[in-house]
Amino acid sequence: MKAAFQSKQIQNCCLGALTETWLSDNTLDSQVALTGCSTIRYGRNKRTTHKNRVGGLISYINDKTTGIE
């Protein structure tokens, strides 16, 4: 994923999102972070959904868009 962010087309995006990430609580934010982006992740909880498999969402917001740089 980090290699893909080197592309100029991707770097110029304001927002990126991935669904059905299946990230667990054991996955560290640093493992899915992209340089130059703020990361927001939401994982579905097995206990509340009562499903064997859980999806999830991760969003990347370009820091240039938010003025965080």
C-alpha atoms as a PDB file:
ATOM      1  CA  MET A   1       0.000   0.000   0.000  1.00  0.00           C
ATOM      2  CA  LYS A   2       2.788   2.435   0.840  1.00  0.00           C
ATOM      3  CA  ALA A   3       4.414   1.896  -2.549  1.00  0.00           C
ATOM      4  CA  ALA A   4       1.150   2.751  -4.303  1.00  0.00           C
ATOM      5  CA  PHE A   5       1.022   6.147  -2.592  1.00  0.00           C
ATOM      6  CA  GLN A   6       4.203   7.190  -4.387  1.00  0.00           C
ATOM      7  CA  SER A   7       2.150   7.753  -7.550  1.00  0.00           C
ATOM      8  CA  LYS A   8       1.497  11.472  -8.219  1.00  0.00           C
ATOM      9  CA  GLN A   9      -2.133  10.733  -9.108  1.00  0.00           C
ATOM     10  CA  ILE A  10      -2.705   9.160  -5.708  1.00  0.00           C
ATOM     11  CA  GLN A  11      -0.762  11.858  -3.838  1.00  0.00           C
ATOM     12  CA  ASN A  12      -3.034  14.522  -5.345  1.00  0.00           C
ATOM     13  CA  CYS A  13      -6.205  12.822  -4.078  1.00  0.00           C
ATOM     14  CA  CYS A  14      -8.013  14.483  -1.189  1.00  0.00           C
ATOM     15  CA  LEU A  15      -9.573  11.316   0.208  1.00  0.00           C
ATOM     16  CA  GLY A  16      -9.128   7.595  -0.213  1.00  0.00           C
ATOM     17  CA  ALA A  17     -11.138   4.789   1.355  1.00  0.00           C
ATOM     18  CA  LEU A  18     -10.942   1.012   1.524  1.00  0.00           C
ATOM     19  CA  THR A  19     -13.830  -1.180   2.601  1.00  0.00           C
ATOM     20  CA  GLU A  20     -13.871  -4.731   3.928  1.00  0.00           C
ATOM     21  CA  THR A  21     -10.412  -4.240   5.406  1.00  0.00           C
ATOM     22  CA  TRP A  22     -10.785  -7.023   7.988  1.00  0.00           C
ATOM     23  CA  LEU A  23      -8.273  -5.259  10.220  1.00  0.00           C
ATOM     24  CA  SER A  24      -8.164  -6.692  13.707  1.00  0.00           C
ATOM     25  CA  ASP A  25      -7.561  -4.965  17.017  1.00  0.00           C
ATOM     26  CA  ASN A  26      -4.047  -6.410  16.792  1.00  0.00           C
ATOM     27  CA  THR A  27      -3.299  -4.377  13.641  1.00  0.00           C
ATOM     28  CA  LEU A  28      -1.426  -1.243  14.640  1.00  0.00           C
ATOM     29  CA  ASP A  29      -2.288   2.127  13.104  1.00  0.00           C
ATOM     30  CA  SER A  30       1.364   2.441  12.093  1.00  0.00           C
ATOM     31  CA  GLN A  31       1.015  -0.708   9.963  1.00  0.00           C
ATOM     32  CA  VAL A  32      -1.677   0.833   7.768  1.00  0.00           C
ATOM     33  CA  ALA A  33      -0.664   4.514   7.888  1.00  0.00           C
ATOM     34  CA  LEU A  34       0.396   6.393   4.766  1.00  0.00           C
ATOM     35  CA  THR A  35       2.925   9.212   4.946  1.00  0.00           C
ATOM     36  CA  GLY A  36       1.233  12.532   4.235  1.00  0.00           C
ATOM     37  CA  CYS A  37      -2.224  11.302   5.207  1.00  0.00           C
ATOM     38  CA  SER A  38      -4.368  11.241   8.295  1.00  0.00           C
ATOM     39  CA  THR A  39      -5.811   7.782   8.890  1.00  0.00           C
ATOM     40  CA  ILE A  40      -9.282   7.038  10.196  1.00  0.00           C
ATOM     41  CA  ARG A  41     -10.259   3.417  10.680  1.00  0.00           C
ATOM     42  CA  TYR A  42     -13.386   1.693  11.847  1.00  0.00           C
ATOM     43  CA  GLY A  43     -13.570  -2.026  12.423  1.00  0.00           C
ATOM     44  CA  ARG A  44     -16.753  -3.992  12.802  1.00  0.00           C
ATOM     45  CA  ASN A  45     -17.059  -5.811  16.072  1.00  0.00           C
ATOM     46  CA  LYS A  46     -17.854  -9.563  16.040  1.00  0.00           C
ATOM     47  CA  ARG A  47     -19.722  -9.314  19.330  1.00  0.00           C
ATOM     48  CA  THR A  48     -22.085  -6.591  18.168  1.00  0.00           C
ATOM     49  CA  THR A  49     -22.636  -7.857  14.609  1.00  0.00           C
ATOM     50  CA  HIS A  50     -22.848 -11.564  15.543  1.00  0.00           C
ATOM     51  CA  LYS A  51     -21.029 -12.447  12.314  1.00  0.00           C
ATOM     52  CA  ASN A  52     -18.049 -14.753  11.953  1.00  0.00           C
ATOM     53  CA  ARG A  53     -16.329 -12.441   9.519  1.00  0.00           C
ATOM     54  CA  VAL A  54     -15.996  -8.743  10.074  1.00  0.00           C
ATOM     55  CA  GLY A  55     -15.473  -6.020   7.496  1.00  0.00           C
ATOM     56  CA  GLY A  56     -14.246  -2.582   8.322  1.00  0.00           C
ATOM     57  CA  LEU A  57     -13.334   0.719   6.750  1.00  0.00           C
ATOM     58  CA  ILE A  58     -10.163   2.742   6.548  1.00  0.00           C
ATOM     59  CA  SER A  59     -10.040   6.294   5.193  1.00  0.00           C
ATOM     60  CA  TYR A  60      -7.030   8.353   4.264  1.00  0.00           C
ATOM     61  CA  ILE A  61      -7.301  12.137   4.183  1.00  0.00           C
ATOM     62  CA  ASN A  62      -4.478  13.976   2.449  1.00  0.00           C
ATOM     63  CA  ASP A  63      -2.803  16.325   4.933  1.00  0.00           C
ATOM     64  CA  LYS A  64      -2.501  18.963   2.181  1.00  0.00           C
ATOM     65  CA  THR A  65      -6.298  19.066   2.060  1.00  0.00           C
ATOM     66  CA  THR A  66      -6.672  19.632   5.787  1.00  0.00           C
ATOM     67  CA  GLY A  67      -3.743  22.028   6.135  1.00  0.00           C
ATOM     68  CA  ILE A  68      -1.998  19.722   8.657  1.00  0.00           C
ATOM     69  CA  GLU A  69       1.255  19.409   6.677  1.00  0.00           C
END
